[in-house]
Structure formats: C-alpha cells, structure tokens
C-alpha atoms as a PDB file:
ATOM      1  CA  UNK A   1      21.855 -24.954  14.827  1.00  0.00           C
ATOM      2  CA  UNK A   2      22.967 -23.255  18.077  1.00  0.00           C
ATOM      3  CA  UNK A   3      21.551 -24.294  21.310  1.00  0.00           C
ATOM      4  CA  UNK A   4      21.913 -21.797  24.174  1.00  0.00           C
ATOM      5  CA  UNK A   5      20.400 -21.367  27.717  1.00  0.00           C
ATOM      6  CA  UNK A   6      21.517 -17.749  27.844  1.00  0.00           C
ATOM      7  CA  UNK A   7      18.321 -15.652  27.294  1.00  0.00           C
ATOM      8  CA  UNK A   8      20.242 -12.511  26.205  1.00  0.00           C
ATOM      9  CA  UNK A   9      21.793 -14.450  23.388  1.00  0.00           C
ATOM     10  CA  UNK A  10      18.356 -15.716  22.171  1.00  0.00           C
ATOM     11  CA  UNK A  11      17.039 -12.288  22.168  1.00  0.00           C
ATOM     12  CA  UNK A  12      20.078 -10.901  20.350  1.00  0.00           C
ATOM     13  CA  UNK A  13      19.422 -12.988  17.431  1.00  0.00           C
ATOM     14  CA  UNK A  14      15.763 -11.995  16.964  1.00  0.00           C
ATOM     15  CA  UNK A  15      16.360  -8.326  16.409  1.00  0.00           C
ATOM     16  CA  UNK A  16      14.557  -6.993  13.327  1.00  0.00           C
ATOM     17  CA  UNK A  17      15.375  -3.753  11.559  1.00  0.00           C
ATOM     18  CA  UNK A  18      12.873  -1.193  10.879  1.00  0.00           C
ATOM     19  CA  UNK A  19      12.964  -2.087   7.167  1.00  0.00           C
ATOM     20  CA  UNK A  20      12.376  -5.863   8.106  1.00  0.00           C
ATOM     21  CA  UNK A  21       9.380  -4.754  10.136  1.00  0.00           C
ATOM     22  CA  UNK A  22       7.835  -2.559   7.506  1.00  0.00           C
ATOM     23  CA  UNK A  23       8.156  -5.365   4.929  1.00  0.00           C
ATOM     24  CA  UNK A  24       6.623  -7.856   7.295  1.00  0.00           C
ATOM     25  CA  UNK A  25       3.577  -5.553   7.809  1.00  0.00           C
ATOM     26  CA  UNK A  26       3.229  -5.067   4.157  1.00  0.00           C
ATOM     27  CA  UNK A  27       3.421  -8.802   3.501  1.00  0.00           C
ATOM     28  CA  UNK A  28       0.829  -9.371   6.192  1.00  0.00           C
ATOM     29  CA  UNK A  29      -1.571  -6.889   4.690  1.00  0.00           C
ATOM     30  CA  UNK A  30      -1.138  -8.564   1.319  1.00  0.00           C
ATOM     31  CA  UNK A  31      -2.006 -11.997   2.839  1.00  0.00           C
ATOM     32  CA  UNK A  32      -5.049 -10.386   4.638  1.00  0.00           C
ATOM     33  CA  UNK A  33      -6.134  -8.726   1.268  1.00  0.00           C
ATOM     34  CA  UNK A  34      -5.858 -11.846  -0.491  1.00  0.00           C
ATOM     35  CA  UNK A  35      -7.792 -13.723   2.087  1.00  0.00           C
ATOM     36  CA  UNK A  36     -10.640 -11.213   2.033  1.00  0.00           C
ATOM     37  CA  UNK A  37     -11.069 -11.505  -1.616  1.00  0.00           C
ATOM     38  CA  UNK A  38     -10.383 -15.262  -1.861  1.00  0.00           C
ATOM     39  CA  UNK A  39     -12.710 -16.282   0.991  1.00  0.00           C
ATOM     40  CA  UNK A  40     -15.353 -13.912  -0.156  1.00  0.00           C
ATOM     41  CA  UNK A  41     -15.126 -15.551  -3.564  1.00  0.00           C
ATOM     42  CA  UNK A  42     -15.265 -19.024  -2.333  1.00  0.00           C
ATOM     43  CA  UNK A  43     -18.197 -18.229  -0.166  1.00  0.00           C
ATOM     44  CA  UNK A  44     -20.018 -16.500  -2.996  1.00  0.00           C
ATOM     45  CA  UNK A  45     -19.409 -19.527  -5.344  1.00  0.00           C
ATOM     46  CA  UNK A  46     -20.789 -21.917  -2.940  1.00  0.00           C
ATOM     47  CA  UNK A  47     -23.953 -19.803  -2.253  1.00  0.00           C
ATOM     48  CA  UNK A  48     -24.529 -19.086  -5.913  1.00  0.00           C
ATOM     49  CA  UNK A  49     -24.116 -22.687  -6.891  1.00  0.00           C
ATOM     50  CA  UNK A  50     -27.721 -23.626  -5.656  1.00  0.00           C
ATOM     51  CA  UNK A  51     -29.185 -20.238  -6.605  1.00  0.00           C
ATOM     52  CA  UNK A  52     -27.856 -20.603 -10.312  1.00  0.00           C
ATOM     53  CA  UNK A  53     -29.583 -24.040 -10.547  1.00  0.00           C
ATOM     54  CA  UNK A  54     -32.885 -22.906  -9.258  1.00  0.00           C
ATOM     55  CA  UNK A  55     -32.894 -19.798 -11.448  1.00  0.00           C
ATOM     56  CA  UNK A  56     -32.378 -21.939 -14.544  1.00  0.00           C
ATOM     57  CA  UNK A  57     -35.237 -24.180 -13.602  1.00  0.00           C
ATOM     58  CA  UNK A  58     -37.714 -21.252 -12.789  1.00  0.00           C
ATOM     59  CA  UNK A  59     -36.675 -19.593 -16.095  1.00  0.00           C
ATOM     60  CA  UNK A  60     -37.289 -22.906 -18.045  1.00  0.00           C
ATOM     61  CA  UNK A  61     -40.655 -23.184 -16.616  1.00  0.00           C
ATOM     62  CA  UNK A  62     -41.707 -19.552 -16.715  1.00  0.00           C
ATOM     63  CA  UNK A  63     -40.068 -17.060 -19.109  1.00  0.00           C
ATOM     64  CA  UNK A  64     -41.470 -14.152 -16.952  1.00  0.00           C
ATOM     65  CA  UNK A  65     -39.093 -15.241 -13.961  1.00  0.00           C
ATOM     66  CA  UNK A  66     -35.963 -14.373 -16.010  1.00  0.00           C
ATOM     67  CA  UNK A  67     -35.568 -10.827 -14.370  1.00  0.00           C
ATOM     68  CA  UNK A  68     -36.146 -12.113 -10.887  1.00  0.00           C
ATOM     69  CA  UNK A  69     -33.728 -15.064 -11.368  1.00  0.00           C
ATOM     70  CA  UNK A  70     -31.005 -12.704 -12.629  1.00  0.00           C
ATOM     71  CA  UNK A  71     -31.573 -10.544  -9.673  1.00  0.00           C
ATOM     72  CA  UNK A  72     -31.133 -13.422  -7.307  1.00  0.00           C
ATOM     73  CA  UNK A  73     -28.083 -14.605  -9.043  1.00  0.00           C
ATOM     74  CA  UNK A  74     -26.521 -11.202  -8.997  1.00  0.00           C
ATOM     75  CA  UNK A  75     -27.234 -10.574  -5.229  1.00  0.00           C
ATOM     76  CA  UNK A  76     -24.326 -12.828  -3.899  1.00  0.00           C
ATOM     77  CA  UNK A  77     -21.937 -11.177  -5.966  1.00  0.00           C
ATOM     78  CA  UNK A  78     -21.951  -8.023  -3.588  1.00  0.00           C
ATOM     79  CA  UNK A  79     -20.234 -10.059  -0.982  1.00  0.00           C
ATOM     80  CA  UNK A  80     -17.121 -10.221  -3.432  1.00  0.00           C
ATOM     81  CA  UNK A  81     -17.515  -6.503  -3.692  1.00  0.00           C
ATOM     82  CA  UNK A  82     -17.458  -6.124   0.065  1.00  0.00           C
ATOM     83  CA  UNK A  83     -14.312  -8.338   0.134  1.00  0.00           C
ATOM     84  CA  UNK A  84     -12.543  -6.227  -2.515  1.00  0.00           C
ATOM     85  CA  UNK A  85     -13.447  -3.032  -0.489  1.00  0.00           C
ATOM     86  CA  UNK A  86     -11.886  -4.515   2.574  1.00  0.00           C
ATOM     87  CA  UNK A  87      -8.812  -5.630   0.716  1.00  0.00           C
ATOM     88  CA  UNK A  88      -8.473  -2.166  -0.733  1.00  0.00           C
ATOM     89  CA  UNK A  89      -8.915  -0.601   2.680  1.00  0.00           C
ATOM     90  CA  UNK A  90      -6.197  -2.914   4.099  1.00  0.00           C
ATOM     91  CA  UNK A  91      -3.735  -2.334   1.370  1.00  0.00           C
ATOM     92  CA  UNK A  92      -4.073   1.498   1.092  1.00  0.00           C
ATOM     93  CA  UNK A  93      -4.285   2.151   4.870  1.00  0.00           C
END
C-alpha cells in the first residue's frame, strides 16, 4: 500500500481506459436490470401472499368467485412485467 500526499500521484493511479469505462457502464446496467426484476418480483410475491390466501378462501366458500379470484391473483404479476420492461430498456439502450 502506497501512501502519498501528492495529489498528482493519486490522480495518476485512478486513470481508467475507455474499455474499462465501457465495461463498468455495462456492469452497472446489468446490476440495474437485475435489481429492477428482482425487487419487482419480491414486491409482487409479498403482495400476492395475502391475495392468494384470500382468493382460495373465497373460492372454497363460493365456486362462482373463481374467475374474480383468478383475476385478482394475476393483477400483481403485471408489476413483474413492468420490471422486465425496465430491465430490457436498460440493457438495450
């Protein structure tokens, strides 16, 4: 480990080439895309946890509620689709 008080020497070691900058940008895009899909999936799972239980209970009591219960369990999945769209926009920008 080199400790220096010269600012010019410290700046000289932090130089990045163009290839390094492009690789870093691509890596950050990949991290952002992964977070977009992952966090959207976690949020959807947490939201669907209560909806699925309530839908099963409603369907057990009244068979005519199946279509509505299915609709209510599918609606939160659109959030994951939005996360996927955001990740694709990040990656192919």
